[in-house]
Amino acid sequence: MKSIRNIISVLVVLCAVLLGVGCNNDTDTVLTAQQSAIEKYLTGSHQPRLIPESDLGESLEETPAFYTRWGLDLYRYIATYYDEGRESRPVVARNSTIEIVYTAYIFKSGSPTVTDMFATNDAESLAKLEEAGLDTEYEWTTDPMEITIGQSQLVDGLETALEGCREGDSVEVYMTFEQGYGNNYIGKVPSKSSLVWFIDIISVK
């Protein structure tokens, strides 16, 4: 009887291990697919077409459009990077208090559409939602959002991507679910969703 109980215990442990491996494999598959989709879009159909920051030295263009990547889960494009006078504007650093106007989408594989939008405080984006007859029952506001870098409730990775940007920048931040909401189902965002944020930095204090 004791040996039977031992066998059952071993089988239970093995099942748990196998289930864990299955979950990890599923997570790896989703992450790989999201990483591939983001990079394919940025270097393909994104306008302008981007190159990785690591390839800047090989570019023949005078002002090549590029994206910065942290690991394989976080990507940033600064559309205003080459704007005249940008270097004299205040830079976003740890503990900076900034005001932003943003629109956030679930990222699938290409340019996000109004149906992918899940949060915004941008008047134009809100108007597009209403024009499409989509749900605006949430308490939407068009007031700039004020946050302090390092002390906000933003999703993982968003603060990292904002550091180094400057007042007046227009920024796109792409992330896998690892840097977003993870396995959680948040509002209109399904579990394990890849996200993209379009952000205008209004002020930096």
N, C-alpha and C. Protein backbone atom coordinates (compact mmCIF):
# COMPACT_ATOMS: atom_id res chain seq x y z
N MET A 1 0.84 -1.21 0.00
CA MET A 1 0.00 0.00 0.00
C MET A 1 0.87 1.25 0.00
N LYS A 2 1.94 1.22 0.78
CA LYS A 2 2.83 2.37 0.87
C LYS A 2 3.51 2.64 -0.47
N SER A 3 3.90 1.52 -1.16
CA SER A 3 4.56 1.70 -2.46
C SER A 3 3.60 2.29 -3.49
N ILE A 4 2.31 1.94 -3.39
CA ILE A 4 1.31 2.49 -4.32
C ILE A 4 1.17 4.00 -4.09
N ARG A 5 1.14 4.39 -2.79
CA ARG A 5 1.04 5.81 -2.48
C ARG A 5 2.26 6.57 -3.01
N ASN A 6 3.43 5.96 -2.89
CA ASN A 6 4.64 6.60 -3.39
C ASN A 6 4.59 6.79 -4.90
N ILE A 7 4.09 5.76 -5.59
CA ILE A 7 3.97 5.83 -7.05
C ILE A 7 3.02 6.95 -7.45
N ILE A 8 1.88 7.03 -6.73
CA ILE A 8 0.90 8.07 -7.01
C ILE A 8 1.50 9.46 -6.79
N SER A 9 2.27 9.61 -5.70
CA SER A 9 2.91 10.89 -5.40
C SER A 9 3.87 11.31 -6.52
N VAL A 10 4.64 10.32 -6.99
CA VAL A 10 5.59 10.60 -8.07
C VAL A 10 4.85 11.02 -9.33
N LEU A 11 3.73 10.33 -9.64
CA LEU A 11 2.95 10.66 -10.83
C LEU A 11 2.36 12.06 -10.75
N VAL A 12 1.90 12.44 -9.55
CA VAL A 12 1.33 13.78 -9.36
C VAL A 12 2.40 14.85 -9.62
N VAL A 13 3.61 14.60 -9.07
CA VAL A 13 4.70 15.55 -9.27
C VAL A 13 5.07 15.65 -10.74
N LEU A 14 5.15 14.50 -11.42
CA LEU A 14 5.48 14.50 -12.85
C LEU A 14 4.45 15.25 -13.67
N CYS A 15 3.17 15.07 -13.33
CA CYS A 15 2.10 15.77 -14.04
C CYS A 15 2.23 17.28 -13.86
N ALA A 16 2.53 17.67 -12.62
CA ALA A 16 2.68 19.10 -12.35
C ALA A 16 3.83 19.69 -13.14
N VAL A 17 4.94 18.94 -13.19
CA VAL A 17 6.11 19.40 -13.95
C VAL A 17 5.78 19.52 -15.42
N LEU A 18 5.10 18.49 -15.96
CA LEU A 18 4.74 18.50 -17.38
C LEU A 18 3.79 19.64 -17.72
N LEU A 19 2.84 19.91 -16.82
CA LEU A 19 1.93 21.03 -17.03
C LEU A 19 2.68 22.35 -17.02
N GLY A 20 3.66 22.47 -16.13
CA GLY A 20 4.46 23.69 -16.07
C GLY A 20 5.26 23.89 -17.33
N VAL A 21 5.84 22.80 -17.85
CA VAL A 21 6.59 22.88 -19.10
C VAL A 21 5.69 23.30 -20.24
N GLY A 22 4.46 22.76 -20.24
CA GLY A 22 3.49 23.11 -21.28
C GLY A 22 3.16 24.58 -21.24
N CYS A 23 2.97 25.12 -20.02
CA CYS A 23 2.65 26.54 -19.88
C CYS A 23 3.81 27.41 -20.35
N ASN A 24 5.04 26.99 -19.96
CA ASN A 24 6.21 27.76 -20.37
C ASN A 24 6.37 27.76 -21.88
N ASN A 25 6.13 26.60 -22.52
CA ASN A 25 6.24 26.51 -23.96
C ASN A 25 5.21 27.41 -24.64
N ASP A 26 3.99 27.45 -24.09
CA ASP A 26 2.94 28.29 -24.64
C ASP A 26 3.32 29.76 -24.51
N THR A 27 3.85 30.13 -23.35
CA THR A 27 4.28 31.51 -23.13
C THR A 27 5.40 31.89 -24.09
N ASP A 28 6.38 31.01 -24.26
CA ASP A 28 7.49 31.27 -25.17
C ASP A 28 6.99 31.45 -26.60
N THR A 29 6.01 30.64 -27.00
CA THR A 29 5.46 30.73 -28.34
C THR A 29 4.77 32.07 -28.57
N VAL A 30 3.98 32.50 -27.58
CA VAL A 30 3.28 33.78 -27.70
C VAL A 30 4.29 34.93 -27.74
N LEU A 31 5.28 34.91 -26.87
CA LEU A 31 6.29 35.97 -26.85
C LEU A 31 7.05 36.05 -28.16
N THR A 32 7.47 34.89 -28.68
CA THR A 32 8.21 34.86 -29.94
C THR A 32 7.37 35.44 -31.07
N ALA A 33 6.09 35.08 -31.10
CA ALA A 33 5.20 35.58 -32.14
C ALA A 33 5.02 37.09 -32.03
N GLN A 34 4.89 37.60 -30.80
CA GLN A 34 4.72 39.04 -30.61
C GLN A 34 5.99 39.81 -30.96
N GLN A 35 7.13 39.30 -30.55
CA GLN A 35 8.40 39.94 -30.89
C GLN A 35 8.58 40.01 -32.39
N SER A 36 8.29 38.92 -33.06
CA SER A 36 8.42 38.86 -34.51
C SER A 36 7.47 39.83 -35.20
N ALA A 37 6.23 39.90 -34.72
CA ALA A 37 5.23 40.79 -35.33
C ALA A 37 5.63 42.25 -35.18
N ILE A 38 6.14 42.63 -34.01
CA ILE A 38 6.55 44.02 -33.78
C ILE A 38 7.73 44.38 -34.69
N GLU A 39 8.75 43.55 -34.70
CA GLU A 39 9.94 43.86 -35.50
C GLU A 39 9.62 43.84 -36.99
N LYS A 40 8.78 42.93 -37.43
CA LYS A 40 8.40 42.86 -38.85
C LYS A 40 7.66 44.13 -39.25
N TYR A 41 6.78 44.62 -38.37
CA TYR A 41 6.04 45.83 -38.67
C TYR A 41 6.95 47.06 -38.71
N LEU A 42 7.81 47.20 -37.70
CA LEU A 42 8.68 48.38 -37.62
C LEU A 42 9.63 48.47 -38.81
N THR A 43 10.14 47.33 -39.25
CA THR A 43 11.11 47.33 -40.34
C THR A 43 10.46 47.13 -41.71
N GLY A 44 9.12 46.95 -41.70
CA GLY A 44 8.42 46.69 -42.97
C GLY A 44 7.42 47.76 -43.33
N SER A 45 6.18 47.59 -42.88
CA SER A 45 5.10 48.48 -43.32
C SER A 45 4.95 49.75 -42.48
N HIS A 46 5.68 49.87 -41.39
CA HIS A 46 5.63 51.11 -40.60
C HIS A 46 6.09 52.29 -41.45
N GLN A 47 5.41 53.42 -41.30
CA GLN A 47 5.79 54.64 -42.01
C GLN A 47 6.28 55.69 -41.03
N PRO A 48 7.55 56.09 -41.12
CA PRO A 48 8.55 55.60 -42.06
C PRO A 48 9.07 54.22 -41.65
N ARG A 49 9.66 53.53 -42.60
CA ARG A 49 10.27 52.25 -42.28
C ARG A 49 11.47 52.49 -41.37
N LEU A 50 11.59 51.68 -40.32
CA LEU A 50 12.63 51.89 -39.31
C LEU A 50 13.74 50.86 -39.40
N ILE A 51 14.89 51.25 -38.87
CA ILE A 51 16.00 50.31 -38.70
C ILE A 51 16.33 50.23 -37.22
N PRO A 52 16.94 49.13 -36.77
CA PRO A 52 17.35 49.07 -35.36
C PRO A 52 18.42 50.12 -35.08
N GLU A 53 18.43 50.66 -33.88
CA GLU A 53 19.43 51.66 -33.51
C GLU A 53 20.84 51.12 -33.69
N SER A 54 21.00 49.82 -33.48
CA SER A 54 22.33 49.20 -33.61
C SER A 54 22.86 49.24 -35.05
N ASP A 55 21.97 49.51 -36.03
CA ASP A 55 22.38 49.54 -37.44
C ASP A 55 22.62 50.96 -37.94
N LEU A 56 22.55 51.96 -37.06
CA LEU A 56 22.70 53.34 -37.50
C LEU A 56 24.04 53.59 -38.20
N GLY A 57 25.10 52.97 -37.71
CA GLY A 57 26.42 53.17 -38.29
C GLY A 57 26.54 52.69 -39.72
N GLU A 58 25.64 51.79 -40.14
CA GLU A 58 25.70 51.23 -41.48
C GLU A 58 24.76 51.96 -42.45
N SER A 59 23.94 52.88 -41.94
CA SER A 59 22.97 53.56 -42.79
C SER A 59 23.65 54.64 -43.64
N LEU A 60 23.19 54.79 -44.88
CA LEU A 60 23.71 55.81 -45.77
C LEU A 60 22.87 57.08 -45.72
N GLU A 61 21.75 57.04 -45.00
CA GLU A 61 20.89 58.21 -44.88
C GLU A 61 21.46 59.19 -43.86
N GLU A 62 21.17 60.46 -44.07
CA GLU A 62 21.66 61.48 -43.15
C GLU A 62 20.89 61.47 -41.84
N THR A 63 19.58 61.22 -41.93
CA THR A 63 18.74 61.18 -40.73
C THR A 63 17.87 59.92 -40.77
N PRO A 64 18.48 58.77 -40.58
CA PRO A 64 17.71 57.52 -40.66
C PRO A 64 16.72 57.36 -39.51
N ALA A 65 15.51 56.96 -39.85
CA ALA A 65 14.50 56.69 -38.82
C ALA A 65 14.83 55.35 -38.17
N PHE A 66 14.84 55.30 -36.84
CA PHE A 66 15.27 54.09 -36.16
C PHE A 66 14.44 53.84 -34.91
N TYR A 67 14.53 52.60 -34.42
CA TYR A 67 13.89 52.27 -33.14
C TYR A 67 14.94 51.76 -32.17
N THR A 68 14.68 52.00 -30.90
CA THR A 68 15.53 51.52 -29.82
C THR A 68 14.84 50.31 -29.20
N ARG A 69 15.61 49.32 -28.83
CA ARG A 69 15.04 48.09 -28.27
C ARG A 69 15.70 47.77 -26.94
N TRP A 70 14.87 47.37 -25.98
CA TRP A 70 15.35 46.86 -24.69
C TRP A 70 15.02 45.38 -24.66
N GLY A 71 16.04 44.54 -24.66
CA GLY A 71 15.79 43.10 -24.71
C GLY A 71 15.03 42.75 -25.98
N LEU A 72 14.03 41.89 -25.83
CA LEU A 72 13.20 41.50 -26.98
C LEU A 72 11.74 41.87 -26.75
N ASP A 73 11.47 42.66 -25.72
CA ASP A 73 10.07 42.89 -25.34
C ASP A 73 9.65 44.35 -25.37
N LEU A 74 10.57 45.29 -25.62
CA LEU A 74 10.23 46.71 -25.54
C LEU A 74 10.93 47.47 -26.67
N TYR A 75 10.14 48.26 -27.41
CA TYR A 75 10.65 48.96 -28.59
C TYR A 75 10.13 50.41 -28.57
N ARG A 76 11.01 51.36 -28.93
CA ARG A 76 10.60 52.77 -28.92
C ARG A 76 11.05 53.47 -30.21
N TYR A 77 10.13 54.26 -30.76
CA TYR A 77 10.44 55.11 -31.90
C TYR A 77 10.10 56.55 -31.53
N ILE A 78 11.06 57.45 -31.69
CA ILE A 78 10.83 58.87 -31.43
C ILE A 78 10.69 59.58 -32.78
N ALA A 79 9.47 59.94 -33.14
CA ALA A 79 9.21 60.53 -34.44
C ALA A 79 9.84 61.91 -34.59
N THR A 80 10.08 62.58 -33.47
CA THR A 80 10.60 63.95 -33.47
C THR A 80 12.11 64.00 -33.20
N TYR A 81 12.78 62.88 -33.33
CA TYR A 81 14.18 62.79 -32.91
C TYR A 81 15.08 63.81 -33.60
N TYR A 82 14.80 64.09 -34.88
CA TYR A 82 15.66 64.99 -35.64
C TYR A 82 15.10 66.41 -35.73
N ASP A 83 14.11 66.73 -34.93
CA ASP A 83 13.53 68.07 -34.98
C ASP A 83 14.56 69.13 -34.58
N GLU A 84 14.52 70.26 -35.26
CA GLU A 84 15.42 71.35 -34.94
C GLU A 84 15.16 71.87 -33.52
N GLY A 85 16.22 72.06 -32.77
CA GLY A 85 16.11 72.58 -31.41
C GLY A 85 15.75 71.54 -30.37
N ARG A 86 15.60 70.29 -30.77
CA ARG A 86 15.19 69.26 -29.81
C ARG A 86 16.18 69.11 -28.66
N GLU A 87 17.46 69.20 -28.95
CA GLU A 87 18.48 68.96 -27.92
C GLU A 87 18.44 69.98 -26.78
N SER A 88 17.79 71.11 -27.01
CA SER A 88 17.72 72.13 -25.97
C SER A 88 16.49 71.97 -25.08
N ARG A 89 15.62 71.03 -25.41
CA ARG A 89 14.40 70.84 -24.63
C ARG A 89 14.68 69.98 -23.40
N PRO A 90 13.88 70.15 -22.33
CA PRO A 90 14.08 69.34 -21.11
C PRO A 90 13.96 67.84 -21.41
N VAL A 91 14.85 67.08 -20.78
CA VAL A 91 14.87 65.63 -20.99
C VAL A 91 14.12 64.92 -19.87
N VAL A 92 13.48 63.81 -20.21
CA VAL A 92 12.76 63.00 -19.22
C VAL A 92 13.77 62.11 -18.50
N ALA A 93 13.81 62.22 -17.18
CA ALA A 93 14.72 61.41 -16.38
C ALA A 93 13.96 60.83 -15.19
N ARG A 94 14.62 59.99 -14.44
CA ARG A 94 14.02 59.44 -13.23
C ARG A 94 13.59 60.57 -12.30
N ASN A 95 12.37 60.49 -11.81
CA ASN A 95 11.75 61.50 -10.94
C ASN A 95 11.25 62.74 -11.67
N SER A 96 11.38 62.78 -13.00
CA SER A 96 10.77 63.88 -13.75
C SER A 96 9.26 63.76 -13.68
N THR A 97 8.60 64.89 -13.55
CA THR A 97 7.14 64.92 -13.64
C THR A 97 6.79 65.42 -15.03
N ILE A 98 6.02 64.63 -15.76
CA ILE A 98 5.71 64.97 -17.14
C ILE A 98 4.21 64.95 -17.37
N GLU A 99 3.78 65.69 -18.37
CA GLU A 99 2.39 65.66 -18.82
C GLU A 99 2.36 65.04 -20.20
N ILE A 100 1.46 64.09 -20.39
CA ILE A 100 1.40 63.40 -21.67
C ILE A 100 -0.04 63.33 -22.19
N VAL A 101 -0.14 63.31 -23.51
CA VAL A 101 -1.39 62.97 -24.19
C VAL A 101 -1.09 61.65 -24.89
N TYR A 102 -1.97 60.67 -24.74
CA TYR A 102 -1.65 59.33 -25.25
C TYR A 102 -2.87 58.65 -25.85
N THR A 103 -2.58 57.67 -26.68
CA THR A 103 -3.60 56.73 -27.14
C THR A 103 -2.96 55.35 -27.12
N ALA A 104 -3.62 54.40 -26.51
CA ALA A 104 -3.08 53.05 -26.37
C ALA A 104 -3.94 52.04 -27.13
N TYR A 105 -3.26 51.11 -27.81
CA TYR A 105 -3.93 50.11 -28.62
C TYR A 105 -3.42 48.71 -28.28
N ILE A 106 -4.26 47.73 -28.54
CA ILE A 106 -3.80 46.34 -28.60
C ILE A 106 -3.08 46.20 -29.92
N PHE A 107 -1.84 45.74 -29.90
CA PHE A 107 -1.08 45.58 -31.14
C PHE A 107 -1.21 44.15 -31.66
N LYS A 108 -1.57 44.03 -32.93
CA LYS A 108 -1.74 42.70 -33.52
C LYS A 108 -0.61 42.39 -34.50
N SER A 109 -0.57 43.07 -35.62
CA SER A 109 0.52 42.80 -36.55
C SER A 109 0.83 43.99 -37.46
N GLY A 110 -0.09 44.95 -37.54
CA GLY A 110 0.12 46.09 -38.42
C GLY A 110 -0.28 47.38 -37.74
N SER A 111 -0.53 48.40 -38.56
CA SER A 111 -0.93 49.68 -38.01
C SER A 111 -2.24 49.53 -37.24
N PRO A 112 -2.29 49.94 -35.98
CA PRO A 112 -3.49 49.73 -35.17
C PRO A 112 -4.68 50.53 -35.69
N THR A 113 -5.87 50.01 -35.48
CA THR A 113 -7.09 50.66 -35.92
C THR A 113 -7.89 51.12 -34.71
N VAL A 114 -8.96 51.87 -34.99
CA VAL A 114 -9.78 52.41 -33.91
C VAL A 114 -10.38 51.30 -33.05
N THR A 115 -10.64 50.15 -33.66
CA THR A 115 -11.22 49.04 -32.89
C THR A 115 -10.23 48.39 -31.93
N ASP A 116 -8.93 48.68 -32.12
CA ASP A 116 -7.90 48.15 -31.23
C ASP A 116 -7.63 49.08 -30.05
N MET A 117 -8.23 50.28 -30.07
CA MET A 117 -7.97 51.27 -29.04
C MET A 117 -8.60 50.85 -27.71
N PHE A 118 -7.86 51.02 -26.60
CA PHE A 118 -8.44 50.68 -25.31
C PHE A 118 -8.32 51.79 -24.27
N ALA A 119 -7.52 52.83 -24.57
CA ALA A 119 -7.41 53.94 -23.63
C ALA A 119 -6.87 55.16 -24.36
N THR A 120 -7.37 56.34 -24.00
CA THR A 120 -6.87 57.57 -24.60
C THR A 120 -7.30 58.78 -23.79
N ASN A 121 -6.51 59.84 -23.90
CA ASN A 121 -6.96 61.15 -23.42
C ASN A 121 -6.76 62.18 -24.52
N ASP A 122 -6.67 61.67 -25.76
CA ASP A 122 -6.49 62.50 -26.94
C ASP A 122 -7.85 62.80 -27.58
N ALA A 123 -8.14 64.07 -27.79
CA ALA A 123 -9.45 64.48 -28.30
C ALA A 123 -9.73 63.88 -29.68
N GLU A 124 -8.73 63.85 -30.57
CA GLU A 124 -8.93 63.30 -31.90
C GLU A 124 -9.23 61.81 -31.85
N SER A 125 -8.51 61.09 -31.01
CA SER A 125 -8.74 59.64 -30.87
C SER A 125 -10.12 59.36 -30.31
N LEU A 126 -10.53 60.17 -29.33
CA LEU A 126 -11.85 59.99 -28.74
C LEU A 126 -12.94 60.27 -29.77
N ALA A 127 -12.72 61.27 -30.62
CA ALA A 127 -13.69 61.58 -31.67
C ALA A 127 -13.81 60.43 -32.66
N LYS A 128 -12.69 59.77 -32.96
CA LYS A 128 -12.72 58.62 -33.87
C LYS A 128 -13.52 57.47 -33.27
N LEU A 129 -13.38 57.27 -31.95
CA LEU A 129 -14.16 56.23 -31.27
C LEU A 129 -15.65 56.51 -31.40
N GLU A 130 -16.02 57.75 -31.14
CA GLU A 130 -17.43 58.12 -31.20
C GLU A 130 -17.97 58.05 -32.62
N GLU A 131 -17.15 58.46 -33.59
CA GLU A 131 -17.56 58.41 -34.99
C GLU A 131 -17.81 56.98 -35.45
N ALA A 132 -17.01 56.05 -34.91
CA ALA A 132 -17.16 54.65 -35.27
C ALA A 132 -18.29 53.98 -34.50
N GLY A 133 -18.92 54.73 -33.58
CA GLY A 133 -20.02 54.18 -32.80
C GLY A 133 -19.56 53.18 -31.76
N LEU A 134 -18.29 53.29 -31.33
CA LEU A 134 -17.75 52.34 -30.36
C LEU A 134 -18.00 52.82 -28.93
N ASP A 135 -17.80 51.92 -28.00
CA ASP A 135 -18.13 52.16 -26.59
C ASP A 135 -17.26 53.26 -25.99
N THR A 136 -17.88 54.30 -25.49
CA THR A 136 -17.15 55.35 -24.77
C THR A 136 -17.78 55.55 -23.39
N GLU A 137 -18.25 54.44 -22.80
CA GLU A 137 -18.94 54.53 -21.51
C GLU A 137 -17.98 54.83 -20.36
N TYR A 138 -16.68 54.57 -20.58
CA TYR A 138 -15.72 54.86 -19.52
C TYR A 138 -15.62 56.38 -19.33
N GLU A 139 -15.08 56.80 -18.22
CA GLU A 139 -14.96 58.23 -17.95
C GLU A 139 -13.73 58.78 -18.68
N TRP A 140 -13.89 58.93 -19.99
CA TRP A 140 -12.81 59.45 -20.81
C TRP A 140 -12.57 60.92 -20.46
N THR A 141 -11.33 61.35 -20.51
CA THR A 141 -10.99 62.75 -20.29
C THR A 141 -9.98 63.17 -21.34
N THR A 142 -9.99 64.45 -21.69
CA THR A 142 -8.99 64.95 -22.63
C THR A 142 -7.95 65.82 -21.92
N ASP A 143 -7.94 65.75 -20.59
CA ASP A 143 -6.92 66.45 -19.83
C ASP A 143 -5.59 65.70 -19.94
N PRO A 144 -4.46 66.39 -20.07
CA PRO A 144 -3.16 65.70 -20.08
C PRO A 144 -2.98 64.87 -18.80
N MET A 145 -2.34 63.74 -18.94
CA MET A 145 -2.04 62.90 -17.77
C MET A 145 -0.70 63.33 -17.19
N GLU A 146 -0.68 63.57 -15.89
CA GLU A 146 0.57 63.93 -15.22
C GLU A 146 1.10 62.72 -14.47
N ILE A 147 2.34 62.39 -14.72
CA ILE A 147 2.97 61.25 -14.06
C ILE A 147 4.39 61.63 -13.63
N THR A 148 4.88 60.94 -12.62
CA THR A 148 6.26 61.12 -12.19
C THR A 148 7.01 59.83 -12.47
N ILE A 149 8.05 59.91 -13.27
CA ILE A 149 8.80 58.72 -13.67
C ILE A 149 9.42 58.05 -12.44
N GLY A 150 9.12 56.78 -12.28
CA GLY A 150 9.62 56.04 -11.12
C GLY A 150 8.61 55.94 -10.00
N GLN A 151 7.49 56.70 -10.12
CA GLN A 151 6.48 56.70 -9.06
C GLN A 151 5.07 56.53 -9.61
N SER A 152 4.95 56.21 -10.88
CA SER A 152 3.63 56.13 -11.50
C SER A 152 3.10 54.70 -11.47
N GLN A 153 1.87 54.54 -11.94
CA GLN A 153 1.24 53.23 -12.02
C GLN A 153 1.20 52.73 -13.47
N LEU A 154 2.11 53.24 -14.31
CA LEU A 154 2.15 52.83 -15.70
C LEU A 154 2.56 51.37 -15.83
N VAL A 155 2.24 50.76 -16.97
CA VAL A 155 2.61 49.37 -17.19
C VAL A 155 4.13 49.24 -17.22
N ASP A 156 4.59 48.03 -16.93
CA ASP A 156 6.03 47.75 -16.96
C ASP A 156 6.61 48.14 -18.31
N GLY A 157 7.73 48.82 -18.29
CA GLY A 157 8.42 49.14 -19.53
C GLY A 157 8.12 50.51 -20.09
N LEU A 158 6.92 51.05 -19.81
CA LEU A 158 6.57 52.35 -20.39
C LEU A 158 7.45 53.46 -19.83
N GLU A 159 7.72 53.42 -18.54
CA GLU A 159 8.60 54.42 -17.95
C GLU A 159 10.02 54.31 -18.52
N THR A 160 10.47 53.08 -18.70
CA THR A 160 11.79 52.85 -19.27
C THR A 160 11.90 53.50 -20.64
N ALA A 161 10.86 53.32 -21.47
CA ALA A 161 10.87 53.86 -22.82
C ALA A 161 10.77 55.38 -22.83
N LEU A 162 10.13 55.98 -21.83
CA LEU A 162 9.97 57.43 -21.80
C LEU A 162 11.24 58.14 -21.33
N GLU A 163 12.04 57.46 -20.49
CA GLU A 163 13.29 58.08 -20.04
C GLU A 163 14.20 58.34 -21.24
N GLY A 164 14.77 59.52 -21.30
CA GLY A 164 15.63 59.88 -22.42
C GLY A 164 14.91 60.64 -23.51
N CYS A 165 13.58 60.62 -23.49
CA CYS A 165 12.80 61.43 -24.42
C CYS A 165 12.84 62.88 -23.95
N ARG A 166 12.29 63.77 -24.76
CA ARG A 166 12.33 65.18 -24.42
C ARG A 166 10.96 65.83 -24.54
N GLU A 167 10.83 66.96 -23.89
CA GLU A 167 9.59 67.73 -24.00
C GLU A 167 9.31 68.03 -25.47
N GLY A 168 8.07 67.82 -25.88
CA GLY A 168 7.70 68.05 -27.26
C GLY A 168 7.82 66.83 -28.15
N ASP A 169 8.37 65.73 -27.62
CA ASP A 169 8.53 64.51 -28.42
C ASP A 169 7.20 63.81 -28.69
N SER A 170 7.12 63.20 -29.88
CA SER A 170 6.06 62.27 -30.20
C SER A 170 6.69 60.89 -30.24
N VAL A 171 6.17 59.98 -29.42
CA VAL A 171 6.83 58.70 -29.19
C VAL A 171 5.86 57.54 -29.42
N GLU A 172 6.39 56.47 -30.00
CA GLU A 172 5.63 55.22 -30.13
C GLU A 172 6.35 54.17 -29.30
N VAL A 173 5.62 53.48 -28.45
CA VAL A 173 6.21 52.44 -27.60
C VAL A 173 5.46 51.13 -27.85
N TYR A 174 6.18 50.12 -28.31
CA TYR A 174 5.62 48.80 -28.60
C TYR A 174 6.14 47.84 -27.55
N MET A 175 5.29 46.93 -27.11
CA MET A 175 5.72 45.99 -26.08
C MET A 175 4.97 44.66 -26.17
N THR A 176 5.67 43.60 -25.82
CA THR A 176 5.01 42.31 -25.69
C THR A 176 4.23 42.29 -24.37
N PHE A 177 3.46 41.25 -24.17
CA PHE A 177 2.66 41.19 -22.94
C PHE A 177 3.52 41.14 -21.69
N GLU A 178 4.77 40.69 -21.82
CA GLU A 178 5.69 40.63 -20.67
C GLU A 178 5.94 42.02 -20.09
N GLN A 179 5.98 43.04 -20.97
CA GLN A 179 6.20 44.40 -20.53
C GLN A 179 4.87 45.14 -20.34
N GLY A 180 3.77 44.51 -20.74
CA GLY A 180 2.46 45.12 -20.62
C GLY A 180 1.72 44.65 -19.38
N TYR A 181 0.55 44.01 -19.61
CA TYR A 181 -0.28 43.58 -18.49
C TYR A 181 -0.10 42.11 -18.15
N GLY A 182 0.88 41.47 -18.77
CA GLY A 182 1.16 40.07 -18.44
C GLY A 182 -0.01 39.15 -18.74
N ASN A 183 -0.30 38.27 -17.79
CA ASN A 183 -1.39 37.31 -17.95
C ASN A 183 -2.74 37.88 -17.53
N ASN A 184 -2.75 39.12 -17.08
CA ASN A 184 -3.99 39.71 -16.57
C ASN A 184 -4.90 40.19 -17.69
N TYR A 185 -6.20 40.13 -17.41
CA TYR A 185 -7.21 40.67 -18.31
C TYR A 185 -7.61 42.03 -17.73
N ILE A 186 -7.23 43.12 -18.41
CA ILE A 186 -7.44 44.47 -17.90
C ILE A 186 -8.42 45.21 -18.80
N GLY A 187 -9.61 45.52 -18.27
CA GLY A 187 -10.58 46.27 -19.05
C GLY A 187 -10.90 45.60 -20.37
N LYS A 188 -10.56 46.28 -21.47
CA LYS A 188 -10.80 45.75 -22.81
C LYS A 188 -9.62 44.95 -23.35
N VAL A 189 -8.57 44.81 -22.54
CA VAL A 189 -7.34 44.18 -23.00
C VAL A 189 -7.30 42.71 -22.56
N PRO A 190 -7.33 41.78 -23.52
CA PRO A 190 -7.26 40.36 -23.16
C PRO A 190 -5.91 39.98 -22.56
N SER A 191 -5.89 38.86 -21.88
CA SER A 191 -4.65 38.34 -21.32
C SER A 191 -3.61 38.15 -22.42
N LYS A 192 -2.34 38.38 -22.08
CA LYS A 192 -1.20 38.18 -22.98
C LYS A 192 -1.31 39.00 -24.26
N SER A 193 -1.71 40.25 -24.11
CA SER A 193 -1.83 41.12 -25.29
C SER A 193 -0.57 41.95 -25.50
N SER A 194 -0.15 42.05 -26.74
CA SER A 194 0.91 42.97 -27.12
C SER A 194 0.28 44.36 -27.26
N LEU A 195 1.02 45.41 -26.87
CA LEU A 195 0.45 46.75 -26.82
C LEU A 195 1.31 47.75 -27.58
N VAL A 196 0.68 48.88 -27.99
CA VAL A 196 1.43 50.01 -28.53
C VAL A 196 0.81 51.29 -27.97
N TRP A 197 1.68 52.21 -27.56
CA TRP A 197 1.26 53.50 -27.01
C TRP A 197 1.80 54.61 -27.90
N PHE A 198 0.94 55.52 -28.30
CA PHE A 198 1.33 56.73 -29.03
C PHE A 198 1.26 57.88 -28.02
N ILE A 199 2.39 58.52 -27.76
CA ILE A 199 2.49 59.48 -26.68
C ILE A 199 3.09 60.80 -27.16
N ASP A 200 2.45 61.89 -26.81
CA ASP A 200 3.00 63.22 -27.00
C ASP A 200 3.38 63.75 -25.62
N ILE A 201 4.65 64.13 -25.46
CA ILE A 201 5.13 64.66 -24.18
C ILE A 201 4.93 66.18 -24.19
N ILE A 202 3.95 66.64 -23.43
CA ILE A 202 3.57 68.05 -23.45
C ILE A 202 4.55 68.89 -22.63
N SER A 203 4.92 68.41 -21.46
CA SER A 203 5.84 69.18 -20.62
C SER A 203 6.67 68.24 -19.76
N VAL A 204 7.85 68.73 -19.37
CA VAL A 204 8.76 67.98 -18.49
C VAL A 204 9.20 68.94 -17.39
N LYS A 205 9.00 68.53 -16.14
CA LYS A 205 9.40 69.35 -15.01
C LYS A 205 10.53 68.66 -14.24
